């Protein structure tokens, strides 16, 4: 994996973090129905799992 690929993965981590933060802010506003909040919480958890997976790939490739 070359440097450009690593930068792309690092950009993906940043984008995932930004999306997760946006979802968390929406959940905190507590203006949505309970079912919508539950779905957003699930999305936030999935984004966190995705970030961890991408970070693991980066770590493995930079060893």
PDB file of N, CA and C in Angstrom:
ATOM      1  N   UNK A   1       0.863  -1.172   0.000  1.00  0.00           N
ATOM      2  CA  UNK A   1       0.000   0.000   0.000  1.00  0.00           C
ATOM      3  C   UNK A   1       0.907   1.232   0.000  1.00  0.00           C
ATOM      4  N   UNK A   2       0.637   2.149  -0.912  1.00  0.00           N
ATOM      5  CA  UNK A   2       1.491   3.333  -0.994  1.00  0.00           C
ATOM      6  C   UNK A   2       0.941   4.476  -0.134  1.00  0.00           C
ATOM      7  N   UNK A   3       1.715   5.555  -0.093  1.00  0.00           N
ATOM      8  CA  UNK A   3       1.379   6.704   0.758  1.00  0.00           C
ATOM      9  C   UNK A   3       0.021   7.305   0.392  1.00  0.00           C
ATOM     10  N   UNK A   4      -0.294   7.330  -0.893  1.00  0.00           N
ATOM     11  CA  UNK A   4      -1.579   7.904  -1.336  1.00  0.00           C
ATOM     12  C   UNK A   4      -2.751   7.081  -0.812  1.00  0.00           C
ATOM     13  N   UNK A   5      -2.592   5.757  -0.821  1.00  0.00           N
ATOM     14  CA  UNK A   5      -3.643   4.888  -0.284  1.00  0.00           C
ATOM     15  C   UNK A   5      -3.838   5.130   1.213  1.00  0.00           C
ATOM     16  N   UNK A   6      -2.733   5.289   1.937  1.00  0.00           N
ATOM     17  CA  UNK A   6      -2.833   5.554   3.373  1.00  0.00           C
ATOM     18  C   UNK A   6      -3.519   6.889   3.643  1.00  0.00           C
ATOM     19  N   UNK A   7      -3.190   7.890   2.844  1.00  0.00           N
ATOM     20  CA  UNK A   7      -3.844   9.196   3.006  1.00  0.00           C
ATOM     21  C   UNK A   7      -5.336   9.093   2.736  1.00  0.00           C
ATOM     22  N   UNK A   8      -5.702   8.287   1.764  1.00  0.00           N
ATOM     23  CA  UNK A   8      -7.117   8.074   1.458  1.00  0.00           C
ATOM     24  C   UNK A   8      -7.821   7.421   2.641  1.00  0.00           C
ATOM     25  N   UNK A   9      -7.175   6.424   3.233  1.00  0.00           N
ATOM     26  CA  UNK A   9      -7.771   5.759   4.401  1.00  0.00           C
ATOM     27  C   UNK A   9      -7.863   6.708   5.586  1.00  0.00           C
ATOM     28  N   UNK A  10      -6.843   7.525   5.791  1.00  0.00           N
ATOM     29  CA  UNK A  10      -6.890   8.498   6.885  1.00  0.00           C
ATOM     30  C   UNK A  10      -8.004   9.518   6.651  1.00  0.00           C
ATOM     31  N   UNK A  11      -8.215   9.899   5.404  1.00  0.00           N
ATOM     32  CA  UNK A  11      -9.320  10.810   5.074  1.00  0.00           C
ATOM     33  C   UNK A  11     -10.662  10.140   5.359  1.00  0.00           C
ATOM     34  N   UNK A  12     -10.735   8.848   5.095  1.00  0.00           N
ATOM     35  CA  UNK A  12     -11.962   8.110   5.382  1.00  0.00           C
ATOM     36  C   UNK A  12     -12.238   8.098   6.877  1.00  0.00           C
ATOM     37  N   UNK A  13     -11.202   7.932   7.687  1.00  0.00           N
ATOM     38  CA  UNK A  13     -11.373   7.960   9.141  1.00  0.00           C
ATOM     39  C   UNK A  13     -11.914   9.321   9.576  1.00  0.00           C
ATOM     40  N   UNK A  14     -11.354  10.374   9.017  1.00  0.00           N
ATOM     41  CA  UNK A  14     -11.819  11.725   9.350  1.00  0.00           C
ATOM     42  C   UNK A  14     -13.284  11.908   8.954  1.00  0.00           C
ATOM     43  N   UNK A  15     -13.644  11.458   7.780  1.00  0.00           N
ATOM     44  CA  UNK A  15     -15.033  11.582   7.318  1.00  0.00           C
ATOM     45  C   UNK A  15     -15.978  10.777   8.209  1.00  0.00           C
ATOM     46  N   UNK A  16     -15.553   9.592   8.609  1.00  0.00           N
ATOM     47  CA  UNK A  16     -16.381   8.770   9.499  1.00  0.00           C
ATOM     48  C   UNK A  16     -16.566   9.480  10.831  1.00  0.00           C
ATOM     49  N   UNK A  17     -15.481  10.042  11.378  1.00  0.00           N
ATOM     50  CA  UNK A  17     -15.578  10.774  12.643  1.00  0.00           C
ATOM     51  C   UNK A  17     -16.547  11.950  12.540  1.00  0.00           C
ATOM     52  N   UNK A  18     -16.469  12.672  11.432  1.00  0.00           N
ATOM     53  CA  UNK A  18     -17.366  13.818  11.233  1.00  0.00           C
ATOM     54  C   UNK A  18     -18.818  13.363  11.137  1.00  0.00           C
ATOM     55  N   UNK A  19     -19.054  12.282  10.428  1.00  0.00           N
ATOM     56  CA  UNK A  19     -20.420  11.757  10.310  1.00  0.00           C
ATOM     57  C   UNK A  19     -20.934  11.279  11.668  1.00  0.00           C
ATOM     58  N   UNK A  20     -20.096  10.592  12.414  1.00  0.00           N
ATOM     59  CA  UNK A  20     -20.503  10.105  13.733  1.00  0.00           C
ATOM     60  C   UNK A  20     -20.814  11.271  14.667  1.00  0.00           C
ATOM     61  N   UNK A  21     -20.024  12.332  14.573  1.00  0.00           N
ATOM     62  CA  UNK A  21     -20.281  13.517  15.400  1.00  0.00           C
ATOM     63  C   UNK A  21     -21.612  14.172  15.030  1.00  0.00           C
ATOM     64  N   UNK A  22     -21.892  14.249  13.749  1.00  0.00           N
ATOM     65  CA  UNK A  22     -23.159  14.834  13.303  1.00  0.00           C
ATOM     66  C   UNK A  22     -24.338  14.012  13.807  1.00  0.00           C
ATOM     67  N   UNK A  23     -24.202  12.699  13.739  1.00  0.00           N
ATOM     68  CA  UNK A  23     -25.268  11.824  14.233  1.00  0.00           C
ATOM     69  C   UNK A  23     -25.435  12.008  15.742  1.00  0.00           C
ATOM     70  N   UNK A  24     -24.329  12.051  16.464  1.00  0.00           N
ATOM     71  CA  UNK A  24     -24.389  12.218  17.923  1.00  0.00           C
ATOM     72  C   UNK A  24     -25.062  13.536  18.291  1.00  0.00           C
ATOM     73  N   UNK A  25     -24.751  14.607  17.553  1.00  0.00           N
ATOM     74  CA  UNK A  25     -25.400  15.900  17.831  1.00  0.00           C
ATOM     75  C   UNK A  25     -26.908  15.821  17.615  1.00  0.00           C
ATOM     76  N   UNK A  26     -27.299  15.127  16.568  1.00  0.00           N
ATOM     77  CA  UNK A  26     -28.738  15.000  16.283  1.00  0.00           C
ATOM     78  C   UNK A  26     -29.433  14.194  17.380  1.00  0.00           C
ATOM     79  N   UNK A  27     -28.774  13.154  17.851  1.00  0.00           N
ATOM     80  CA  UNK A  27     -29.346  12.346  18.940  1.00  0.00           C
ATOM     81  C   UNK A  27     -29.471  13.197  20.197  1.00  0.00           C
ATOM     82  N   UNK A  28     -28.448  13.993  20.488  1.00  0.00           N
ATOM     83  CA  UNK A  28     -28.459  14.838  21.684  1.00  0.00           C
ATOM     84  C   UNK A  28     -29.555  15.896  21.641  1.00  0.00           C
ATOM     85  N   UNK A  29     -29.904  16.359  20.461  1.00  0.00           N
ATOM     86  CA  UNK A  29     -30.965  17.372  20.345  1.00  0.00           C
ATOM     87  C   UNK A  29     -32.310  16.842  20.827  1.00  0.00           C
ATOM     88  N   UNK A  30     -32.485  15.542  20.700  1.00  0.00           N
ATOM     89  CA  UNK A  30     -33.679  14.867  21.219  1.00  0.00           C
ATOM     90  C   UNK A  30     -34.974  15.467  20.654  1.00  0.00           C
ATOM     91  N   UNK A  31     -34.962  15.821  19.365  1.00  0.00           N
ATOM     92  CA  UNK A  31     -36.150  16.374  18.724  1.00  0.00           C
ATOM     93  C   UNK A  31     -36.874  15.356  17.869  1.00  0.00           C
ATOM     94  N   UNK A  32     -36.287  14.184  17.724  1.00  0.00           N
ATOM     95  CA  UNK A  32     -36.863  13.168  16.863  1.00  0.00           C
ATOM     96  C   UNK A  32     -37.651  12.149  17.675  1.00  0.00           C
ATOM     97  N   UNK A  33     -38.463  11.410  16.954  1.00  0.00           N
ATOM     98  CA  UNK A  33     -39.205  10.336  17.619  1.00  0.00           C
ATOM     99  C   UNK A  33     -38.248   9.257  18.094  1.00  0.00           C
ATOM    100  N   UNK A  34     -38.719   8.470  19.028  1.00  0.00           N
ATOM    101  CA  UNK A  34     -37.875   7.438  19.638  1.00  0.00           C
ATOM    102  C   UNK A  34     -37.342   6.437  18.617  1.00  0.00           C
ATOM    103  N   UNK A  35     -38.166   6.071  17.650  1.00  0.00           N
ATOM    104  CA  UNK A  35     -37.705   5.107  16.642  1.00  0.00           C
ATOM    105  C   UNK A  35     -36.588   5.700  15.792  1.00  0.00           C
ATOM    106  N   UNK A  36     -36.711   6.975  15.445  1.00  0.00           N
ATOM    107  CA  UNK A  36     -35.663   7.638  14.664  1.00  0.00           C
ATOM    108  C   UNK A  36     -34.381   7.760  15.478  1.00  0.00           C
ATOM    109  N   UNK A  37     -34.513   8.082  16.752  1.00  0.00           N
ATOM    110  CA  UNK A  37     -33.340   8.175  17.619  1.00  0.00           C
ATOM    111  C   UNK A  37     -32.643   6.825  17.746  1.00  0.00           C
ATOM    112  N   UNK A  38     -33.420   5.775  17.839  1.00  0.00           N
ATOM    113  CA  UNK A  38     -32.836   4.432  17.938  1.00  0.00           C
ATOM    114  C   UNK A  38     -32.073   4.090  16.661  1.00  0.00           C
ATOM    115  N   UNK A  39     -32.643   4.436  15.519  1.00  0.00           N
ATOM    116  CA  UNK A  39     -31.945   4.168  14.249  1.00  0.00           C
ATOM    117  C   UNK A  39     -30.661   4.980  14.150  1.00  0.00           C
ATOM    118  N   UNK A  40     -30.717   6.242  14.576  1.00  0.00           N
ATOM    119  CA  UNK A  40     -29.509   7.070  14.538  1.00  0.00           C
ATOM    120  C   UNK A  40     -28.441   6.528  15.490  1.00  0.00           C
ATOM    121  N   UNK A  41     -28.843   6.045  16.628  1.00  0.00           N
ATOM    122  CA  UNK A  41     -27.880   5.449  17.556  1.00  0.00           C
ATOM    123  C   UNK A  41     -27.223   4.223  16.920  1.00  0.00           C
ATOM    124  N   UNK A  42     -27.994   3.456  16.179  1.00  0.00           N
ATOM    125  CA  UNK A  42     -27.440   2.297  15.473  1.00  0.00           C
ATOM    126  C   UNK A  42     -26.445   2.750  14.405  1.00  0.00           C
ATOM    127  N   UNK A  43     -26.789   3.788  13.679  1.00  0.00           N
ATOM    128  CA  UNK A  43     -25.890   4.330  12.655  1.00  0.00           C
ATOM    129  C   UNK A  43     -24.586   4.807  13.303  1.00  0.00           C
ATOM    130  N   UNK A  44     -24.711   5.479  14.431  1.00  0.00           N
ATOM    131  CA  UNK A  44     -23.511   5.958  15.129  1.00  0.00           C
ATOM    132  C   UNK A  44     -22.609   4.784  15.525  1.00  0.00           C
ATOM    133  N   UNK A  45     -23.205   3.721  16.031  1.00  0.00           N
ATOM    134  CA  UNK A  45     -22.426   2.539  16.417  1.00  0.00           C
ATOM    135  C   UNK A  45     -21.759   1.905  15.193  1.00  0.00           C
ATOM    136  N   UNK A  46     -22.472   1.835  14.082  1.00  0.00           N
ATOM    137  CA  UNK A  46     -21.897   1.269  12.853  1.00  0.00           C
ATOM    138  C   UNK A  46     -20.748   2.124  12.335  1.00  0.00           C
ATOM    139  N   UNK A  47     -20.880   3.439  12.432  1.00  0.00           N
ATOM    140  CA  UNK A  47     -19.795   4.329  12.016  1.00  0.00           C
ATOM    141  C   UNK A  47     -18.567   4.127  12.898  1.00  0.00           C
ATOM    142  N   UNK A  48     -18.783   3.961  14.173  1.00  0.00           N
ATOM    143  CA  UNK A  48     -17.668   3.723  15.087  1.00  0.00           C
ATOM    144  C   UNK A  48     -16.968   2.418  14.756  1.00  0.00           C
ATOM    145  N   UNK A  49     -17.729   1.371  14.478  1.00  0.00           N
ATOM    146  CA  UNK A  49     -17.130   0.083  14.092  1.00  0.00           C
ATOM    147  C   UNK A  49     -16.352   0.226  12.790  1.00  0.00           C
ATOM    148  N   UNK A  50     -16.882   0.992  11.850  1.00  0.00           N
ATOM    149  CA  UNK A  50     -16.186   1.205  10.580  1.00  0.00           C
ATOM    150  C   UNK A  50     -14.869   1.946  10.797  1.00  0.00           C
ATOM    151  N   UNK A  51     -14.900   2.967  11.645  1.00  0.00           N
ATOM    152  CA  UNK A  51     -13.678   3.713  11.929  1.00  0.00           C
ATOM    153  C   UNK A  51     -12.617   2.806  12.534  1.00  0.00           C
ATOM    154  N   UNK A  52     -13.016   1.976  13.467  1.00  0.00           N
ATOM    155  CA  UNK A  52     -12.076   1.048  14.106  1.00  0.00           C
ATOM    156  C   UNK A  52     -11.488   0.089  13.064  1.00  0.00           C
ATOM    157  N   UNK A  53     -12.322  -0.402  12.165  1.00  0.00           N
ATOM    158  CA  UNK A  53     -11.845  -1.323  11.130  1.00  0.00           C
ATOM    159  C   UNK A  53     -10.839  -0.644  10.205  1.00  0.00           C
ATOM    160  N   UNK A  54     -11.120   0.587   9.798  1.00  0.00           N
ATOM    161  CA  UNK A  54     -10.198   1.304   8.914  1.00  0.00           C
ATOM    162  C   UNK A  54      -8.899   1.617   9.650  1.00  0.00           C
ATOM    163  N   UNK A  55      -8.993   2.005  10.918  1.00  0.00           N
ATOM    164  CA  UNK A  55      -7.784   2.275  11.696  1.00  0.00           C
ATOM    165  C   UNK A  55      -6.933   1.011  11.833  1.00  0.00           C
ATOM    166  N   UNK A  56      -7.582  -0.128  11.968  1.00  0.00           N
ATOM    167  CA  UNK A  56      -6.855  -1.393  12.067  1.00  0.00           C
ATOM    168  C   UNK A  56      -6.096  -1.684  10.763  1.00  0.00           C
ATOM    169  N   UNK A  57      -6.746  -1.424   9.639  1.00  0.00           N
ATOM    170  CA  UNK A  57      -6.089  -1.606   8.339  1.00  0.00           C
ATOM    171  C   UNK A  57      -4.876  -0.695   8.229  1.00  0.00           C
ATOM    172  N   UNK A  58      -5.043   0.558   8.627  1.00  0.00           N
ATOM    173  CA  UNK A  58      -3.929   1.511   8.566  1.00  0.00           C
ATOM    174  C   UNK A  58      -2.774   1.009   9.421  1.00  0.00           C
ATOM    175  N   UNK A  59      -3.087   0.574  10.621  1.00  0.00           N
ATOM    176  CA  UNK A  59      -2.047   0.097  11.535  1.00  0.00           C
ATOM    177  C   UNK A  59      -1.313  -1.113  10.937  1.00  0.00           C
ATOM    178  N   UNK A  60      -2.075  -2.056  10.374  1.00  0.00           N
ATOM    179  CA  UNK A  60      -1.456  -3.245   9.782  1.00  0.00           C
ATOM    180  C   UNK A  60      -0.574  -2.897   8.590  1.00  0.00           C
ATOM    181  N   UNK A  61      -1.007  -1.950   7.797  1.00  0.00           N
ATOM    182  CA  UNK A  61      -0.265  -1.588   6.586  1.00  0.00           C
ATOM    183  C   UNK A  61       0.962  -0.726   6.867  1.00  0.00           C
ATOM    184  N   UNK A  62       1.023  -0.111   8.029  1.00  0.00           N
ATOM    185  CA  UNK A  62       2.159   0.753   8.327  1.00  0.00           C
ATOM    186  C   UNK A  62       3.189   0.058   9.212  1.00  0.00           C
ATOM    187  N   UNK A  63       3.021  -1.207   9.452  1.00  0.00           N
ATOM    188  CA  UNK A  63       4.006  -1.966  10.241  1.00  0.00           C
ATOM    189  C   UNK A  63       5.211  -2.278   9.419  1.00  0.00           C
TER     190      UNK A  63
END
